[in-house]
Structure formats: structure tokens, C-alpha cells
Amino acid sequence: MLDKSSLPALLRERDIRGSRRTGTPARVIDVAHSTLWYWVRTGKFPAPVKVSDGVTAWRATDIAAWVEGRWSPDAADGPR
């Protein structure tokens, strides 16, 4: 299970899937960049939020809900 107390409010892609280039292990899932974005496009993974130009991140609460099987694309509507 994902330890929500150790997560920041927003997670960058490298926080979710790690980085083979820097050797950072995956915190949540170990999938390729293209797989993660395919899941986002098809509604199988929470959509990220645009923080600023060049910075995209996911809400830690959405990721934790996804890991626990509680997330659904319908639950992610509305402003945050």
C-alpha cells in the first residue's frame, strides 16, 4: 500500500514511475513513459494538472486513490 503520509501534495512523473536515467526507483508504478501517458489518454490513470509552463504533476490524492482501486475517471471532475 502507498504511504500517503510521506507524499507531497503533487507528484511529478519521476516521483510516480521513477527514472532509469538517474536510477531513481519507482515510488508507485514501474511502467514506461509512453504507457503512463497512454493510460492517461484512455482514462485508466488520473489526468495530471498543469502547474506552470513545462511543469505537469498529479494530485497525490488521485494517485493514492488509483493505487487503492478507489479512483475512477468520473470521480476526478470538478475544480481543485
PDB file of N, CA and C in Angstrom:
ATOM      1  N   MET A   1       0.843  -1.183   0.000  1.00  0.00           N
ATOM      2  CA  MET A   1       0.000   0.000   0.000  1.00  0.00           C
ATOM      3  C   MET A   1       0.883   1.239   0.000  1.00  0.00           C
ATOM      4  N   LEU A   2       0.395   2.297  -0.579  1.00  0.00           N
ATOM      5  CA  LEU A   2       1.105   3.554  -0.694  1.00  0.00           C
ATOM      6  C   LEU A   2       1.014   4.323   0.613  1.00  0.00           C
ATOM      7  N   ASP A   3       2.158   4.773   1.114  1.00  0.00           N
ATOM      8  CA  ASP A   3       2.183   5.550   2.357  1.00  0.00           C
ATOM      9  C   ASP A   3       1.869   7.006   2.027  1.00  0.00           C
ATOM     10  N   LYS A   4       0.612   7.406   2.228  1.00  0.00           N
ATOM     11  CA  LYS A   4       0.171   8.751   1.870  1.00  0.00           C
ATOM     12  C   LYS A   4       0.822   9.827   2.725  1.00  0.00           C
ATOM     13  N   SER A   5       1.229   9.485   3.940  1.00  0.00           N
ATOM     14  CA  SER A   5       1.809  10.493   4.826  1.00  0.00           C
ATOM     15  C   SER A   5       3.171  10.979   4.332  1.00  0.00           C
ATOM     16  N   SER A   6       3.844  10.183   3.499  1.00  0.00           N
ATOM     17  CA  SER A   6       5.161  10.586   3.013  1.00  0.00           C
ATOM     18  C   SER A   6       5.108  11.264   1.656  1.00  0.00           C
ATOM     19  N   LEU A   7       3.909  11.463   1.109  1.00  0.00           N
ATOM     20  CA  LEU A   7       3.777  12.066  -0.213  1.00  0.00           C
ATOM     21  C   LEU A   7       3.556  13.569  -0.134  1.00  0.00           C
ATOM     22  N   PRO A   8       4.167  14.322  -1.066  1.00  0.00           N
ATOM     23  CA  PRO A   8       3.830  15.740  -1.173  1.00  0.00           C
ATOM     24  C   PRO A   8       2.441  15.877  -1.793  1.00  0.00           C
ATOM     25  N   ALA A   9       1.896  17.072  -1.843  1.00  0.00           N
ATOM     26  CA  ALA A   9       0.556  17.285  -2.400  1.00  0.00           C
ATOM     27  C   ALA A   9       0.509  16.969  -3.888  1.00  0.00           C
ATOM     28  N   LEU A  10       1.591  17.242  -4.592  1.00  0.00           N
ATOM     29  CA  LEU A  10       1.663  16.975  -6.029  1.00  0.00           C
ATOM     30  C   LEU A  10       2.858  16.073  -6.320  1.00  0.00           C
ATOM     31  N   LEU A  11       2.687  15.193  -7.287  1.00  0.00           N
ATOM     32  CA  LEU A  11       3.750  14.279  -7.688  1.00  0.00           C
ATOM     33  C   LEU A  11       4.106  14.507  -9.146  1.00  0.00           C
ATOM     34  N   ARG A  12       5.388  14.603  -9.425  1.00  0.00           N
ATOM     35  CA  ARG A  12       5.856  14.682 -10.810  1.00  0.00           C
ATOM     36  C   ARG A  12       5.949  13.276 -11.364  1.00  0.00           C
ATOM     37  N   GLU A  13       6.092  13.168 -12.681  1.00  0.00           N
ATOM     38  CA  GLU A  13       6.158  11.853 -13.307  1.00  0.00           C
ATOM     39  C   GLU A  13       7.295  11.018 -12.728  1.00  0.00           C
ATOM     40  N   ARG A  14       8.437  11.620 -12.490  1.00  0.00           N
ATOM     41  CA  ARG A  14       9.574  10.869 -11.946  1.00  0.00           C
ATOM     42  C   ARG A  14       9.281  10.331 -10.544  1.00  0.00           C
ATOM     43  N   ASP A  15       8.396  11.013  -9.807  1.00  0.00           N
ATOM     44  CA  ASP A  15       8.003  10.529  -8.485  1.00  0.00           C
ATOM     45  C   ASP A  15       7.104   9.296  -8.598  1.00  0.00           C
ATOM     46  N   ILE A  16       6.313   9.258  -9.649  1.00  0.00           N
ATOM     47  CA  ILE A  16       5.358   8.165  -9.831  1.00  0.00           C
ATOM     48  C   ILE A  16       6.031   6.933 -10.413  1.00  0.00           C
ATOM     49  N   ARG A  17       6.804   7.120 -11.480  1.00  0.00           N
ATOM     50  CA  ARG A  17       7.345   5.959 -12.171  1.00  0.00           C
ATOM     51  C   ARG A  17       8.858   5.826 -12.088  1.00  0.00           C
ATOM     52  N   GLY A  18       9.516   6.715 -11.359  1.00  0.00           N
ATOM     53  CA  GLY A  18      10.960   6.629 -11.212  1.00  0.00           C
ATOM     54  C   GLY A  18      11.674   7.114 -12.459  1.00  0.00           C
ATOM     55  N   SER A  19      12.976   6.990 -12.449  1.00  0.00           N
ATOM     56  CA  SER A  19      13.782   7.422 -13.584  1.00  0.00           C
ATOM     57  C   SER A  19      14.941   6.454 -13.762  1.00  0.00           C
ATOM     58  N   ARG A  20      14.945   5.769 -14.881  1.00  0.00           N
ATOM     59  CA  ARG A  20      16.055   4.844 -15.161  1.00  0.00           C
ATOM     60  C   ARG A  20      17.342   5.613 -15.418  1.00  0.00           C
ATOM     61  N   ARG A  21      17.203   6.810 -15.969  1.00  0.00           N
ATOM     62  CA  ARG A  21      18.385   7.625 -16.291  1.00  0.00           C
ATOM     63  C   ARG A  21      19.146   8.001 -15.028  1.00  0.00           C
ATOM     64  N   THR A  22      18.416   8.411 -13.984  1.00  0.00           N
ATOM     65  CA  THR A  22      19.083   8.816 -12.739  1.00  0.00           C
ATOM     66  C   THR A  22      19.141   7.690 -11.708  1.00  0.00           C
ATOM     67  N   GLY A  23      18.484   6.576 -12.023  1.00  0.00           N
ATOM     68  CA  GLY A  23      18.496   5.450 -11.087  1.00  0.00           C
ATOM     69  C   GLY A  23      17.499   5.579  -9.948  1.00  0.00           C
ATOM     70  N   THR A  24      16.577   6.537 -10.063  1.00  0.00           N
ATOM     71  CA  THR A  24      15.557   6.724  -9.034  1.00  0.00           C
ATOM     72  C   THR A  24      14.507   5.622  -9.166  1.00  0.00           C
ATOM     73  N   PRO A  25      14.275   4.851  -8.105  1.00  0.00           N
ATOM     74  CA  PRO A  25      13.278   3.786  -8.213  1.00  0.00           C
ATOM     75  C   PRO A  25      11.850   4.328  -8.252  1.00  0.00           C
ATOM     76  N   ALA A  26      10.967   3.562  -8.840  1.00  0.00           N
ATOM     77  CA  ALA A  26       9.556   3.954  -8.915  1.00  0.00           C
ATOM     78  C   ALA A  26       8.949   3.946  -7.527  1.00  0.00           C
ATOM     79  N   ARG A  27       8.199   4.992  -7.183  1.00  0.00           N
ATOM     80  CA  ARG A  27       7.510   5.058  -5.906  1.00  0.00           C
ATOM     81  C   ARG A  27       6.140   4.405  -5.980  1.00  0.00           C
ATOM     82  N   VAL A  28       5.533   4.454  -7.163  1.00  0.00           N
ATOM     83  CA  VAL A  28       4.158   3.979  -7.294  1.00  0.00           C
ATOM     84  C   VAL A  28       4.070   2.823  -8.283  1.00  0.00           C
ATOM     85  N   ILE A  29       4.452   3.065  -9.532  1.00  0.00           N
ATOM     86  CA  ILE A  29       4.368   2.032 -10.561  1.00  0.00           C
ATOM     87  C   ILE A  29       5.631   2.042 -11.407  1.00  0.00           C
ATOM     88  N   ASP A  30       5.959   0.901 -11.949  1.00  0.00           N
ATOM     89  CA  ASP A  30       7.136   0.787 -12.803  1.00  0.00           C
ATOM     90  C   ASP A  30       6.669   0.522 -14.228  1.00  0.00           C
ATOM     91  N   VAL A  31       6.314   1.592 -14.932  1.00  0.00           N
ATOM     92  CA  VAL A  31       5.886   1.496 -16.326  1.00  0.00           C
ATOM     93  C   VAL A  31       6.650   2.528 -17.147  1.00  0.00           C
ATOM     94  N   ALA A  32       6.643   2.333 -18.438  1.00  0.00           N
ATOM     95  CA  ALA A  32       7.305   3.265 -19.347  1.00  0.00           C
ATOM     96  C   ALA A  32       6.536   4.583 -19.433  1.00  0.00           C
ATOM     97  N   HIS A  33       7.243   5.617 -19.826  1.00  0.00           N
ATOM     98  CA  HIS A  33       6.658   6.943 -20.027  1.00  0.00           C
ATOM     99  C   HIS A  33       5.453   6.865 -20.967  1.00  0.00           C
ATOM    100  N   SER A  34       5.627   6.165 -22.097  1.00  0.00           N
ATOM    101  CA  SER A  34       4.549   6.080 -23.083  1.00  0.00           C
ATOM    102  C   SER A  34       3.338   5.329 -22.531  1.00  0.00           C
ATOM    103  N   THR A  35       3.555   4.319 -21.706  1.00  0.00           N
ATOM    104  CA  THR A  35       2.446   3.578 -21.104  1.00  0.00           C
ATOM    105  C   THR A  35       1.661   4.467 -20.153  1.00  0.00           C
ATOM    106  N   LEU A  36       2.364   5.221 -19.329  1.00  0.00           N
ATOM    107  CA  LEU A  36       1.698   6.123 -18.395  1.00  0.00           C
ATOM    108  C   LEU A  36       0.794   7.100 -19.139  1.00  0.00           C
ATOM    109  N   TRP A  37       1.320   7.721 -20.192  1.00  0.00           N
ATOM    110  CA  TRP A  37       0.527   8.703 -20.934  1.00  0.00           C
ATOM    111  C   TRP A  37      -0.590   8.066 -21.746  1.00  0.00           C
ATOM    112  N   TYR A  38      -0.405   6.828 -22.188  1.00  0.00           N
ATOM    113  CA  TYR A  38      -1.489   6.089 -22.847  1.00  0.00           C
ATOM    114  C   TYR A  38      -2.621   5.855 -21.846  1.00  0.00           C
ATOM    115  N   TRP A  39      -2.270   5.446 -20.641  1.00  0.00           N
ATOM    116  CA  TRP A  39      -3.276   5.240 -19.594  1.00  0.00           C
ATOM    117  C   TRP A  39      -4.028   6.537 -19.301  1.00  0.00           C
ATOM    118  N   VAL A  40      -3.317   7.660 -19.274  1.00  0.00           N
ATOM    119  CA  VAL A  40      -3.977   8.953 -19.033  1.00  0.00           C
ATOM    120  C   VAL A  40      -4.971   9.248 -20.166  1.00  0.00           C
ATOM    121  N   ARG A  41      -4.521   9.089 -21.416  1.00  0.00           N
ATOM    122  CA  ARG A  41      -5.384   9.359 -22.577  1.00  0.00           C
ATOM    123  C   ARG A  41      -6.621   8.481 -22.609  1.00  0.00           C
ATOM    124  N   THR A  42      -6.483   7.242 -22.166  1.00  0.00           N
ATOM    125  CA  THR A  42      -7.607   6.307 -22.235  1.00  0.00           C
ATOM    126  C   THR A  42      -8.431   6.266 -20.952  1.00  0.00           C
ATOM    127  N   GLY A  43      -8.094   7.109 -19.976  1.00  0.00           N
ATOM    128  CA  GLY A  43      -8.873   7.178 -18.749  1.00  0.00           C
ATOM    129  C   GLY A  43      -8.592   6.070 -17.746  1.00  0.00           C
ATOM    130  N   LYS A  44      -7.477   5.378 -17.907  1.00  0.00           N
ATOM    131  CA  LYS A  44      -7.119   4.305 -16.976  1.00  0.00           C
ATOM    132  C   LYS A  44      -6.241   4.804 -15.829  1.00  0.00           C
ATOM    133  N   PHE A  45      -5.813   6.055 -15.909  1.00  0.00           N
ATOM    134  CA  PHE A  45      -4.941   6.654 -14.895  1.00  0.00           C
ATOM    135  C   PHE A  45      -5.362   8.105 -14.747  1.00  0.00           C
ATOM    136  N   PRO A  46      -5.275   8.651 -13.547  1.00  0.00           N
ATOM    137  CA  PRO A  46      -5.692  10.051 -13.339  1.00  0.00           C
ATOM    138  C   PRO A  46      -4.954  11.032 -14.250  1.00  0.00           C
ATOM    139  N   ALA A  47      -5.654  12.039 -14.682  1.00  0.00           N
ATOM    140  CA  ALA A  47      -5.044  13.091 -15.502  1.00  0.00           C
ATOM    141  C   ALA A  47      -4.230  14.022 -14.607  1.00  0.00           C
ATOM    142  N   PRO A  48      -3.124  14.519 -15.121  1.00  0.00           N
ATOM    143  CA  PRO A  48      -2.317  15.459 -14.345  1.00  0.00           C
ATOM    144  C   PRO A  48      -2.901  16.866 -14.397  1.00  0.00           C
ATOM    145  N   VAL A  49      -2.331  17.745 -13.597  1.00  0.00           N
ATOM    146  CA  VAL A  49      -2.682  19.161 -13.631  1.00  0.00           C
ATOM    147  C   VAL A  49      -1.465  19.928 -14.142  1.00  0.00           C
ATOM    148  N   LYS A  50      -1.716  20.992 -14.859  1.00  0.00           N
ATOM    149  CA  LYS A  50      -0.645  21.839 -15.373  1.00  0.00           C
ATOM    150  C   LYS A  50      -0.323  22.869 -14.293  1.00  0.00           C
ATOM    151  N   VAL A  51       0.855  22.775 -13.705  1.00  0.00           N
ATOM    152  CA  VAL A  51       1.262  23.678 -12.636  1.00  0.00           C
ATOM    153  C   VAL A  51       1.785  24.988 -13.215  1.00  0.00           C
ATOM    154  N   SER A  52       2.595  24.891 -14.256  1.00  0.00           N
ATOM    155  CA  SER A  52       3.113  26.067 -14.959  1.00  0.00           C
ATOM    156  C   SER A  52       3.661  25.584 -16.296  1.00  0.00           C
ATOM    157  N   ASP A  53       4.198  26.505 -17.091  1.00  0.00           N
ATOM    158  CA  ASP A  53       4.808  26.100 -18.353  1.00  0.00           C
ATOM    159  C   ASP A  53       5.900  25.077 -18.077  1.00  0.00           C
ATOM    160  N   GLY A  54       5.785  23.924 -18.682  1.00  0.00           N
ATOM    161  CA  GLY A  54       6.813  22.899 -18.519  1.00  0.00           C
ATOM    162  C   GLY A  54       6.719  22.073 -17.253  1.00  0.00           C
ATOM    163  N   VAL A  55       5.720  22.335 -16.411  1.00  0.00           N
ATOM    164  CA  VAL A  55       5.581  21.575 -15.164  1.00  0.00           C
ATOM    165  C   VAL A  55       4.184  20.963 -15.097  1.00  0.00           C
ATOM    166  N   THR A  56       4.154  19.651 -15.139  1.00  0.00           N
ATOM    167  CA  THR A  56       2.921  18.890 -15.042  1.00  0.00           C
ATOM    168  C   THR A  56       3.063  17.961 -13.847  1.00  0.00           C
ATOM    169  N   ALA A  57       2.005  17.838 -13.062  1.00  0.00           N
ATOM    170  CA  ALA A  57       2.070  16.987 -11.875  1.00  0.00           C
ATOM    171  C   ALA A  57       0.707  16.356 -11.620  1.00  0.00           C
ATOM    172  N   TRP A  58       0.699  15.339 -10.807  1.00  0.00           N
ATOM    173  CA  TRP A  58      -0.530  14.657 -10.421  1.00  0.00           C
ATOM    174  C   TRP A  58      -0.829  14.930  -8.963  1.00  0.00           C
ATOM    175  N   ARG A  59      -2.099  15.023  -8.625  1.00  0.00           N
ATOM    176  CA  ARG A  59      -2.504  15.168  -7.230  1.00  0.00           C
ATOM    177  C   ARG A  59      -2.194  13.863  -6.510  1.00  0.00           C
ATOM    178  N   ALA A  60      -1.503  13.939  -5.399  1.00  0.00           N
ATOM    179  CA  ALA A  60      -1.159  12.733  -4.637  1.00  0.00           C
ATOM    180  C   ALA A  60      -2.413  11.987  -4.197  1.00  0.00           C
ATOM    181  N   THR A  61      -3.484  12.718  -3.921  1.00  0.00           N
ATOM    182  CA  THR A  61      -4.727  12.058  -3.501  1.00  0.00           C
ATOM    183  C   THR A  61      -5.308  11.213  -4.629  1.00  0.00           C
ATOM    184  N   ASP A  62      -5.213  11.696  -5.885  1.00  0.00           N
ATOM    185  CA  ASP A  62      -5.686  10.920  -7.033  1.00  0.00           C
ATOM    186  C   ASP A  62      -4.854   9.657  -7.219  1.00  0.00           C
ATOM    187  N   ILE A  63      -3.541   9.787  -7.065  1.00  0.00           N
ATOM    188  CA  ILE A  63      -2.650   8.638  -7.243  1.00  0.00           C
ATOM    189  C   ILE A  63      -2.888   7.609  -6.143  1.00  0.00           C
ATOM    190  N   ALA A  64      -3.030   8.068  -4.912  1.00  0.00           N
ATOM    191  CA  ALA A  64      -3.293   7.143  -3.801  1.00  0.00           C
ATOM    192  C   ALA A  64      -4.618   6.419  -4.012  1.00  0.00           C
ATOM    193  N   ALA A  65      -5.641   7.132  -4.473  1.00  0.00           N
ATOM    194  CA  ALA A  65      -6.941   6.506  -4.746  1.00  0.00           C
ATOM    195  C   ALA A  65      -6.813   5.481  -5.872  1.00  0.00           C
ATOM    196  N   TRP A  66      -6.013   5.789  -6.902  1.00  0.00           N
ATOM    197  CA  TRP A  66      -5.809   4.860  -8.013  1.00  0.00           C
ATOM    198  C   TRP A  66      -5.134   3.580  -7.513  1.00  0.00           C
ATOM    199  N   VAL A  67      -4.104   3.733  -6.694  1.00  0.00           N
ATOM    200  CA  VAL A  67      -3.386   2.572  -6.160  1.00  0.00           C
ATOM    201  C   VAL A  67      -4.321   1.692  -5.328  1.00  0.00           C
ATOM    202  N   GLU A  68      -5.199   2.328  -4.572  1.00  0.00           N
ATOM    203  CA  GLU A  68      -6.118   1.596  -3.701  1.00  0.00           C
ATOM    204  C   GLU A  68      -7.362   1.100  -4.437  1.00  0.00           C
ATOM    205  N   GLY A  69      -7.467   1.407  -5.725  1.00  0.00           N
ATOM    206  CA  GLY A  69      -8.602   0.946  -6.517  1.00  0.00           C
ATOM    207  C   GLY A  69      -9.863   1.761  -6.321  1.00  0.00           C
ATOM    208  N   ARG A  70      -9.743   2.944  -5.719  1.00  0.00           N
ATOM    209  CA  ARG A  70     -10.905   3.788  -5.459  1.00  0.00           C
ATOM    210  C   ARG A  70     -11.079   4.888  -6.501  1.00  0.00           C
ATOM    211  N   TRP A  71     -10.107   5.090  -7.384  1.00  0.00           N
ATOM    212  CA  TRP A  71     -10.172   6.182  -8.351  1.00  0.00           C
ATOM    213  C   TRP A  71     -10.982   5.757  -9.566  1.00  0.00           C
ATOM    214  N   SER A  72     -11.760   6.675 -10.083  1.00  0.00           N
ATOM    215  CA  SER A  72     -12.447   6.455 -11.354  1.00  0.00           C
ATOM    216  C   SER A  72     -12.439   7.775 -12.117  1.00  0.00           C
ATOM    217  N   PRO A  73     -12.463   7.721 -13.437  1.00  0.00           N
ATOM    218  CA  PRO A  73     -12.439   8.963 -14.213  1.00  0.00           C
ATOM    219  C   PRO A  73     -13.594   9.907 -13.853  1.00  0.00           C
ATOM    220  N   ASP A  74     -14.739   9.369 -13.486  1.00  0.00           N
ATOM    221  CA  ASP A  74     -15.891  10.198 -13.122  1.00  0.00           C
ATOM    222  C   ASP A  74     -15.668  10.928 -11.812  1.00  0.00           C
ATOM    223  N   ALA A  75     -14.858  10.370 -10.921  1.00  0.00           N
ATOM    224  CA  ALA A  75     -14.625  10.980  -9.610  1.00  0.00           C
ATOM    225  C   ALA A  75     -13.653  12.148  -9.690  1.00  0.00           C
ATOM    226  N   ALA A  76     -12.994  12.298 -10.816  1.00  0.00           N
ATOM    227  CA  ALA A  76     -11.948  13.327 -10.942  1.00  0.00           C
ATOM    228  C   ALA A  76     -12.458  14.629 -11.532  1.00  0.00           C
ATOM    229  N   ASP A  77     -13.767  14.794 -11.656  1.00  0.00           N
ATOM    230  CA  ASP A  77     -14.273  16.035 -12.254  1.00  0.00           C
ATOM    231  C   ASP A  77     -14.353  17.160 -11.216  1.00  0.00           C
ATOM    232  N   GLY A  78     -14.493  18.336 -11.706  1.00  0.00           N
ATOM    233  CA  GLY A  78     -14.619  19.495 -10.823  1.00  0.00           C
ATOM    234  C   GLY A  78     -13.297  20.164 -10.561  1.00  0.00           C
ATOM    235  N   PRO A  79     -13.344  21.459 -10.245  1.00  0.00           N
ATOM    236  CA  PRO A  79     -12.123  22.208  -9.975  1.00  0.00           C
ATOM    237  C   PRO A  79     -11.514  21.819  -8.640  1.00  0.00           C
ATOM    238  N   ARG A  80     -10.181  21.957  -8.569  1.00  0.00           N
ATOM    239  CA  ARG A  80      -9.474  21.654  -7.316  1.00  0.00           C
ATOM    240  C   ARG A  80      -8.463  22.717  -7.026  1.00  0.00           C
TER     241      ARG A  80
END
